[in-house]
Amino acid sequence: MRGACGAERLAAVAPNLIFTYFNMDDPQLGGLSQERIALRRAIGMGFNTPDFIRVMYHGQARPANQLLPPHVEGHDASLPAKAPYDPAAARALLDRFGYKDRDGDGFRELPDGKPQVLDVDTIVVCAGQEPRRELVAALEAAGMKSTLVGGADVAAELDAKRAIEQGTRVALRL
């Protein structure tokens, strides 16, 4: 596609991959018990990959279904696609395995009734951008609580001091 000034945009597939993984030693998330497997599956079903691609990559990415991206030796095109975004199915799975909102705050507790807090570490640099919160809404639609800090909260400027303070306050509440 060539613009009026003669500039041309060329699109190419780049073998990049971003993935999320679970700490299998985590006391609330790890392990191979049926309820922990269900929790991890529900998190996967509660993550809106199409929205993530639309927001973070302006629609110019493809969902991955394995660690090797297309056009890289070893990629297996016959593997099935990732579970689709389905917050209703995620909620039903959580209900089935005892992750229920017992105190009426709108968020689920562990099957034993204790608060469910998942330690998550994600770094996003937002310098002079507008905060985008669509991904938080998808997690909350599946009944998973989250806290915005730093540029995800207010992306008016690059303010590492504010982001560190907010992150520290969240950590101290855990």
Protein backbone atom coordinates (compact mmCIF):
# COMPACT_ATOMS: atom_id res chain seq x y z
CA MET A 1 0.00 0.00 0.00
CA ARG A 2 1.52 3.33 -1.07
CA GLY A 3 0.49 6.64 0.51
CA ALA A 4 0.04 9.99 -1.23
CA CYS A 5 3.60 11.06 -0.27
CA GLY A 6 5.08 7.92 -1.80
CA ALA A 7 5.70 6.10 1.51
CA GLU A 8 4.90 2.43 1.42
CA ARG A 9 3.80 0.21 4.29
CA LEU A 10 5.05 -3.35 4.15
CA ALA A 11 3.61 -5.95 6.53
CA ALA A 12 5.58 -9.05 7.42
CA VAL A 13 5.17 -11.89 9.88
CA ALA A 14 7.71 -11.67 12.71
CA PRO A 15 8.34 -14.80 14.76
CA ASN A 16 7.69 -13.15 18.14
CA LEU A 17 5.88 -14.76 21.01
CA ILE A 18 4.45 -13.51 24.28
CA PHE A 19 3.12 -16.04 26.73
CA THR A 20 1.82 -16.36 30.26
CA TYR A 21 2.96 -19.12 32.54
CA PHE A 22 1.94 -20.32 35.98
CA ASN A 23 4.26 -20.93 38.92
CA MET A 24 3.48 -24.56 39.68
CA ASP A 25 4.96 -24.14 43.17
CA ASP A 26 2.63 -21.26 44.06
CA PRO A 27 0.53 -22.17 47.13
CA GLN A 28 -2.76 -20.92 45.61
CA LEU A 29 -2.22 -21.60 41.91
CA GLY A 30 0.28 -24.42 41.50
CA GLY A 31 0.01 -28.16 41.85
CA LEU A 32 -1.87 -30.87 40.02
CA SER A 33 -5.03 -31.18 42.12
CA GLN A 34 -8.29 -30.98 40.16
CA GLU A 35 -9.26 -27.62 41.69
CA ARG A 36 -5.89 -26.03 40.82
CA ILE A 37 -6.06 -27.33 37.25
CA ALA A 38 -9.61 -25.91 37.03
CA LEU A 39 -8.43 -22.54 38.36
CA ARG A 40 -5.67 -22.30 35.75
CA ARG A 41 -8.09 -23.31 32.98
CA ALA A 42 -10.62 -20.72 34.16
CA ILE A 43 -7.92 -18.02 34.09
CA GLY A 44 -7.13 -19.03 30.50
CA MET A 45 -10.81 -18.90 29.51
CA GLY A 46 -11.19 -15.55 31.32
CA PHE A 47 -8.38 -13.89 29.37
CA ASN A 48 -9.68 -12.13 26.28
CA THR A 49 -6.91 -12.83 23.75
CA PRO A 50 -8.72 -11.10 20.84
CA ASP A 51 -9.07 -7.92 22.94
CA PHE A 52 -5.42 -8.17 24.02
CA ILE A 53 -4.35 -8.38 20.37
CA ARG A 54 -6.66 -5.49 19.43
CA VAL A 55 -5.47 -3.24 22.28
CA MET A 56 -1.78 -4.08 22.53
CA TYR A 57 -0.98 -4.88 18.89
CA HIS A 58 -3.63 -2.83 17.08
CA GLY A 59 -5.09 -6.05 15.70
CA GLN A 60 -1.84 -7.05 14.01
CA ALA A 61 -1.03 -10.33 15.76
CA ARG A 62 -2.28 -13.90 15.86
CA PRO A 63 -3.17 -15.93 18.94
CA ALA A 64 -0.57 -18.56 19.80
CA ASN A 65 -1.36 -22.17 20.63
CA GLN A 66 2.22 -23.31 21.39
CA LEU A 67 5.65 -21.97 22.29
CA LEU A 68 6.95 -22.04 18.71
CA PRO A 69 5.33 -19.40 16.48
CA PRO A 70 4.44 -20.04 12.82
CA HIS A 71 7.35 -19.94 10.36
CA VAL A 72 9.77 -21.30 13.00
CA GLU A 73 11.17 -24.83 12.66
CA GLY A 74 9.24 -27.18 14.93
CA HIS A 75 5.92 -25.28 14.84
CA ASP A 76 3.07 -27.82 14.63
CA ALA A 77 0.22 -26.33 12.61
CA SER A 78 -2.00 -29.32 13.47
CA LEU A 79 -2.26 -28.42 17.17
CA PRO A 80 -5.70 -27.15 18.23
CA ALA A 81 -6.35 -23.49 18.96
CA LYS A 82 -6.26 -22.13 22.53
CA ALA A 83 -9.49 -22.34 24.51
CA PRO A 84 -11.72 -19.45 23.42
CA TYR A 85 -12.52 -16.47 25.63
CA ASP A 86 -15.57 -17.62 27.57
CA PRO A 87 -16.15 -15.84 30.91
CA ALA A 88 -19.42 -17.74 31.49
CA ALA A 89 -17.64 -21.10 31.17
CA ALA A 90 -14.80 -19.80 33.38
CA ARG A 91 -17.30 -18.81 36.08
CA ALA A 92 -19.06 -22.20 35.83
CA LEU A 93 -15.74 -24.04 36.16
CA LEU A 94 -14.79 -21.97 39.20
CA ASP A 95 -18.21 -22.65 40.76
CA ARG A 96 -17.89 -26.39 40.12
CA PHE A 97 -14.57 -26.56 41.98
CA GLY A 98 -15.59 -24.42 44.96
CA TYR A 99 -14.14 -21.00 44.04
CA LYS A 100 -17.17 -18.98 45.16
CA ASP A 101 -17.94 -15.47 46.40
CA ARG A 102 -18.71 -16.29 50.02
CA ASP A 103 -18.53 -12.75 51.46
CA GLY A 104 -20.57 -10.91 48.82
CA ASP A 105 -17.78 -8.56 47.66
CA GLY A 106 -18.13 -9.71 44.04
CA PHE A 107 -14.89 -11.71 44.02
CA ARG A 108 -14.25 -15.38 44.64
CA GLU A 109 -12.53 -17.00 47.59
CA LEU A 110 -10.58 -20.26 47.61
CA PRO A 111 -12.52 -23.52 48.10
CA ASP A 112 -11.51 -23.44 51.81
CA GLY A 113 -13.01 -19.91 52.17
CA LYS A 114 -9.72 -18.01 52.41
CA PRO A 115 -9.12 -14.95 50.21
CA GLN A 116 -7.84 -15.71 46.73
CA VAL A 117 -4.80 -13.60 45.88
CA LEU A 118 -2.76 -14.44 42.81
CA ASP A 119 0.74 -12.98 42.66
CA VAL A 120 1.15 -11.66 39.12
CA ASP A 121 4.09 -9.71 37.76
CA THR A 122 3.63 -7.86 34.49
CA ILE A 123 5.66 -4.90 33.31
CA VAL A 124 4.16 -2.50 30.77
CA VAL A 125 5.77 0.82 29.82
CA CYS A 126 3.19 3.52 29.09
CA ALA A 127 4.86 6.81 28.29
CA GLY A 128 2.37 9.52 27.32
CA GLN A 129 -0.41 7.10 26.41
CA GLU A 130 -4.01 6.73 27.46
CA PRO A 131 -4.64 3.97 30.01
CA ARG A 132 -6.41 0.95 28.51
CA ARG A 133 -8.45 -1.09 30.95
CA GLU A 134 -10.31 -3.53 28.67
CA LEU A 135 -8.18 -6.46 29.83
CA VAL A 136 -9.03 -5.80 33.48
CA ALA A 137 -12.73 -5.81 32.62
CA ALA A 138 -12.32 -9.26 31.02
CA LEU A 139 -10.68 -10.67 34.15
CA GLU A 140 -13.28 -9.11 36.41
CA ALA A 141 -16.08 -10.50 34.18
CA ALA A 142 -14.71 -13.94 35.09
CA GLY A 143 -14.74 -12.95 38.81
CA MET A 144 -11.00 -12.33 39.18
CA LYS A 145 -9.93 -9.24 41.13
CA SER A 146 -7.07 -7.07 39.87
CA THR A 147 -5.36 -3.84 40.86
CA LEU A 148 -4.06 -1.25 38.41
CA VAL A 149 -0.78 0.48 39.22
CA GLY A 150 1.58 2.82 37.40
CA GLY A 151 0.85 3.54 33.75
CA ALA A 152 -2.09 1.15 33.67
CA ASP A 153 -3.73 3.33 36.34
CA VAL A 154 -2.72 6.78 35.02
CA ALA A 155 -0.68 6.93 31.85
CA ALA A 156 -0.29 10.70 31.81
CA GLU A 157 3.47 10.55 32.21
CA LEU A 158 6.26 8.12 32.87
CA ASP A 159 6.31 8.19 36.66
CA ALA A 160 8.31 5.28 38.04
CA LYS A 161 8.18 6.66 41.59
CA ARG A 162 4.37 6.65 41.59
CA ALA A 163 4.23 3.17 40.03
CA ILE A 164 6.66 1.75 42.61
CA GLU A 165 4.69 3.35 45.46
CA GLN A 166 1.40 1.95 44.15
CA GLY A 167 2.90 -1.52 43.63
CA THR A 168 4.37 -1.46 47.14
CA ARG A 169 1.00 -0.51 48.66
CA VAL A 170 -0.68 -3.41 46.83
CA ALA A 171 2.03 -5.82 47.99
CA LEU A 172 1.68 -4.70 51.59
CA ARG A 173 -2.06 -5.48 51.48
CA LEU A 174 -1.40 -9.09 50.43
